[in-house]
Amino acid sequence: DPKSAMVRILAPREAEHGQYIDQGFASIVNGEQASTQALAWVAPQGARLTPSSPVTLTASVGSLEFEKTFSIDERYMIDVRQTVKNAGAAPARVQPYGFVLQRNIPDDLVNLPVHQGPMFVADKQLAQRRYPKAAKSSFEAIGAAGWAGVTGQYFLAAATPPEGETFTMSMKNVGEEKKPIFRAGYTLAERDLAPGASVSLAAHAFVGPKDVDLLKDYQKPVAE
């Protein structure tokens, strides 16, 4: 309906009901992940993401230089091409990841037989938890094809790992039980970066309606 109100699916992570997608490389320091989601990313002046204009963001931390290029089609599938370079003189280690996060339980939950909450697909395994149960439990699985996301009554935010990569999918509350932060997503194998070396990956994110035919469309192989 052209006259209906605009629908906002994602929201800043600091918001009471923040929902966002975080895909990138975590820096591994002393065997522990050092998340890069809080980096200050820089975009070219006047940059605007549209189906005809991709946007490239850059950031750095220590000797690591990051670049992300986003492009979006008219059906809300986002292509995310990422590169990290080790510009230092010492070896570095990174781990690719992709997460969809939801802060707190949404206020507009409905009592209908439709899933609302975190979920993931790993190969042929479907895992999903409704919000109250997801605040108290966690689950993970290994696979080579799938996606992870957080879904409402009508809309879905999802992250898809690069093709041809084995991943670990997980679903957990990374906040507190009374102040939950629901997270569903994937991690890939760690990568070692020699001085001057870089690694690039292509992943996807989806933010749009829970249209089964639309989602199945994206699963079809691209004709050569």
Protein backbone atom coordinates (compact mmCIF):
# COMPACT_ATOMS: atom_id res chain seq x y z
CA ASP A 1 0.00 0.00 0.00
CA PRO A 2 1.71 3.23 -1.16
CA LYS A 3 -0.11 5.15 1.60
CA SER A 4 0.99 2.92 4.46
CA ALA A 5 3.53 4.14 7.01
CA MET A 6 7.24 3.52 6.49
CA VAL A 7 8.56 0.39 8.21
CA ARG A 8 11.87 0.56 10.08
CA ILE A 9 13.54 -2.80 10.57
CA LEU A 10 17.07 -2.01 11.78
CA ALA A 11 17.94 0.43 14.58
CA PRO A 12 21.21 1.66 16.15
CA ARG A 13 22.72 -0.77 18.64
CA GLU A 14 22.49 1.78 21.49
CA ALA A 15 18.69 2.09 21.08
CA GLU A 16 16.39 0.37 23.58
CA HIS A 17 15.34 -2.08 20.88
CA GLY A 18 18.42 -1.79 18.69
CA GLN A 19 18.59 -4.32 15.87
CA TYR A 20 21.63 -4.41 13.60
CA ILE A 21 23.82 -6.60 11.41
CA ASP A 22 27.54 -6.79 12.10
CA GLN A 23 29.75 -8.55 9.53
CA GLY A 24 33.52 -8.26 9.47
CA PHE A 25 36.84 -9.52 10.82
CA ALA A 26 37.61 -9.84 14.52
CA SER A 27 41.23 -9.29 15.51
CA ILE A 28 42.60 -12.25 17.51
CA VAL A 29 44.84 -11.06 20.34
CA ASN A 30 46.35 -13.66 22.72
CA GLY A 31 43.82 -16.19 21.51
CA GLU A 32 40.82 -13.94 22.28
CA GLN A 33 38.51 -12.12 19.87
CA ALA A 34 38.82 -8.34 19.86
CA SER A 35 35.61 -7.25 18.12
CA THR A 36 35.88 -4.47 15.55
CA GLN A 37 32.19 -3.51 15.59
CA ALA A 38 32.87 -0.34 17.61
CA LEU A 39 35.37 1.04 15.09
CA ALA A 40 34.80 4.49 13.62
CA TRP A 41 34.05 3.73 9.97
CA VAL A 42 34.54 6.47 7.37
CA ALA A 43 32.47 6.89 4.21
CA PRO A 44 33.11 9.26 1.30
CA GLN A 45 31.34 12.59 1.62
CA GLY A 46 27.84 12.41 0.17
CA ALA A 47 27.85 8.59 -0.04
CA ARG A 48 24.39 7.05 -0.23
CA LEU A 49 23.58 3.36 -0.63
CA THR A 50 21.13 2.74 -3.49
CA PRO A 51 20.72 -0.06 -6.07
CA SER A 52 22.84 2.01 -8.45
CA SER A 53 25.44 3.35 -6.01
CA PRO A 54 27.49 1.11 -3.69
CA VAL A 55 29.20 2.55 -0.63
CA THR A 56 32.71 1.75 0.63
CA LEU A 57 33.63 2.22 4.30
CA THR A 58 37.15 2.18 5.73
CA ALA A 59 38.55 1.87 9.25
CA SER A 60 41.74 0.86 11.01
CA VAL A 61 42.87 -0.43 14.38
CA GLY A 62 46.54 -0.90 15.19
CA SER A 63 48.24 -2.32 12.10
CA LEU A 64 44.99 -3.68 10.59
CA GLU A 65 43.24 -1.76 7.80
CA PHE A 66 39.62 -2.67 7.01
CA GLU A 67 37.45 -1.97 3.98
CA LYS A 68 33.79 -2.86 3.39
CA THR A 69 31.88 -2.25 0.17
CA PHE A 70 28.09 -2.52 0.36
CA SER A 71 25.77 -2.81 -2.62
CA ILE A 72 22.02 -3.42 -2.46
CA ASP A 73 19.47 -4.65 -4.98
CA GLU A 74 15.84 -3.59 -5.31
CA ARG A 75 14.67 -6.49 -3.14
CA TYR A 76 16.84 -5.60 -0.13
CA MET A 77 19.61 -8.16 -0.53
CA ILE A 78 22.91 -6.54 0.46
CA ASP A 79 26.24 -7.69 -0.97
CA VAL A 80 29.07 -7.15 1.54
CA ARG A 81 32.63 -7.34 0.17
CA GLN A 82 35.25 -7.08 2.89
CA THR A 83 39.04 -6.82 2.97
CA VAL A 84 41.49 -6.62 5.85
CA LYS A 85 45.18 -5.83 5.36
CA ASN A 86 48.04 -6.20 7.79
CA ALA A 87 50.00 -2.97 7.34
CA GLY A 88 52.33 -3.71 10.24
CA ALA A 89 55.70 -5.41 10.56
CA ALA A 90 54.47 -8.33 12.72
CA PRO A 91 52.11 -11.21 11.82
CA ALA A 92 48.42 -10.78 12.72
CA ARG A 93 45.46 -13.11 13.06
CA VAL A 94 41.80 -12.39 12.24
CA GLN A 95 38.52 -14.30 12.27
CA PRO A 96 35.65 -13.55 9.88
CA TYR A 97 32.17 -13.34 11.43
CA GLY A 98 28.63 -12.20 10.77
CA PHE A 99 26.00 -11.51 13.43
CA VAL A 100 22.45 -10.21 13.63
CA LEU A 101 21.70 -8.69 17.04
CA GLN A 102 18.50 -7.60 18.77
CA ARG A 103 18.59 -5.64 22.02
CA ASN A 104 15.72 -6.51 24.40
CA ILE A 105 12.42 -8.17 23.50
CA PRO A 106 10.39 -6.11 21.01
CA ASP A 107 7.24 -4.41 22.31
CA ASP A 108 5.12 -5.48 19.34
CA LEU A 109 5.18 -9.27 19.79
CA VAL A 110 1.99 -11.01 18.69
CA ASN A 111 0.55 -14.29 19.91
CA LEU A 112 0.45 -16.02 16.54
CA PRO A 113 1.87 -19.33 15.27
CA VAL A 114 4.74 -17.56 13.49
CA HIS A 115 8.32 -17.52 14.69
CA GLN A 116 9.58 -14.31 16.27
CA GLY A 117 13.13 -14.36 17.57
CA PRO A 118 16.64 -15.54 16.65
CA MET A 119 17.15 -18.46 14.27
CA PHE A 120 19.66 -20.05 11.94
CA VAL A 121 19.97 -22.67 9.22
CA ALA A 122 23.11 -24.83 9.03
CA ASP A 123 22.96 -27.23 6.09
CA LYS A 124 19.63 -29.04 6.63
CA GLN A 125 19.30 -28.12 10.31
CA LEU A 126 16.90 -25.37 11.38
CA ALA A 127 17.35 -23.90 14.87
CA GLN A 128 15.05 -21.27 16.29
CA ARG A 129 14.11 -19.95 19.72
CA ARG A 130 11.31 -17.60 20.67
CA TYR A 131 12.47 -14.57 22.61
CA PRO A 132 11.67 -15.69 26.19
CA LYS A 133 13.39 -19.06 25.72
CA ALA A 134 16.27 -17.55 23.76
CA ALA A 135 17.12 -15.33 26.73
CA LYS A 136 18.01 -18.44 28.75
CA SER A 137 19.54 -20.81 26.20
CA SER A 138 22.20 -21.10 23.51
CA PHE A 139 22.76 -23.40 20.57
CA GLU A 140 25.36 -23.93 17.84
CA ALA A 141 26.01 -26.12 14.82
CA ILE A 142 28.63 -26.56 12.10
CA GLY A 143 27.73 -26.38 8.43
CA ALA A 144 28.75 -25.31 4.93
CA ALA A 145 25.53 -23.65 3.72
CA GLY A 146 23.01 -21.56 5.60
CA TRP A 147 22.17 -18.24 7.17
CA ALA A 148 21.33 -16.68 10.54
CA GLY A 149 18.96 -13.94 11.55
CA VAL A 150 16.37 -12.39 13.81
CA THR A 151 12.78 -12.35 12.65
CA GLY A 152 9.61 -10.51 13.59
CA GLN A 153 6.03 -11.08 12.51
CA TYR A 154 6.52 -9.82 8.96
CA PHE A 155 10.19 -8.93 8.49
CA LEU A 156 13.59 -10.60 8.66
CA ALA A 157 17.16 -9.38 9.19
CA ALA A 158 19.71 -12.04 8.20
CA ALA A 159 23.41 -12.58 7.53
CA THR A 160 24.77 -15.16 5.09
CA PRO A 161 28.36 -16.46 5.21
CA PRO A 162 30.62 -16.61 2.15
CA GLU A 163 30.05 -19.54 -0.18
CA GLY A 164 32.41 -22.51 0.03
CA GLU A 165 33.33 -21.88 3.67
CA THR A 166 32.70 -24.16 6.64
CA PHE A 167 31.23 -22.15 9.51
CA THR A 168 30.01 -22.42 13.07
CA MET A 169 26.49 -21.06 13.51
CA SER A 170 25.45 -19.93 16.97
CA MET A 171 22.46 -18.43 18.72
CA LYS A 172 22.76 -16.98 22.22
CA ASN A 173 21.98 -14.14 24.61
CA VAL A 174 25.15 -12.06 24.93
CA GLY A 175 23.52 -9.68 27.40
CA GLU A 176 21.78 -10.38 30.71
CA GLU A 177 18.65 -12.47 31.23
CA LYS A 178 16.61 -9.39 32.21
CA LYS A 179 18.35 -7.15 29.66
CA PRO A 180 19.00 -9.57 26.80
CA ILE A 181 20.93 -8.98 23.62
CA PHE A 182 19.94 -11.75 21.23
CA ARG A 183 22.63 -12.73 18.75
CA ALA A 184 22.44 -15.18 15.86
CA GLY A 185 25.29 -15.58 13.41
CA TYR A 186 28.36 -17.34 12.14
CA THR A 187 32.12 -17.45 12.59
CA LEU A 188 34.66 -18.85 10.11
CA ALA A 189 38.12 -20.30 10.61
CA GLU A 190 40.84 -17.91 11.78
CA ARG A 191 43.24 -16.47 9.19
CA ASP A 192 46.92 -15.65 9.65
CA LEU A 193 48.10 -12.45 7.99
CA ALA A 194 51.78 -11.96 7.26
CA PRO A 195 53.08 -8.37 7.14
CA GLY A 196 51.70 -6.73 4.01
CA ALA A 197 49.20 -9.55 3.35
CA SER A 198 45.45 -9.14 2.99
CA VAL A 199 42.37 -11.35 2.84
CA SER A 200 39.04 -10.63 1.12
CA LEU A 201 35.62 -12.25 1.50
CA ALA A 202 32.16 -11.74 0.00
CA ALA A 203 29.09 -12.28 2.17
CA HIS A 204 25.46 -11.15 2.11
CA ALA A 205 22.88 -9.58 4.38
CA PHE A 206 19.12 -9.40 3.91
CA VAL A 207 16.71 -6.90 5.44
CA GLY A 208 13.19 -7.24 4.16
CA PRO A 209 9.84 -9.04 4.18
CA LYS A 210 9.44 -12.69 5.16
CA ASP A 211 8.49 -13.61 1.62
CA VAL A 212 9.18 -17.32 1.14
CA ASP A 213 9.22 -17.11 -2.67
CA LEU A 214 11.61 -14.17 -2.54
CA LEU A 215 14.00 -15.94 -0.17
CA LYS A 216 13.90 -19.15 -2.24
CA ASP A 217 14.71 -17.05 -5.31
CA TYR A 218 18.03 -16.04 -3.78
CA GLN A 219 18.88 -19.70 -3.11
CA LYS A 220 18.72 -20.58 -6.81
CA PRO A 221 22.10 -20.85 -8.59
CA VAL A 222 22.93 -17.94 -10.87
CA ALA A 223 22.70 -18.89 -14.54
CA GLU A 224 26.02 -18.62 -16.36
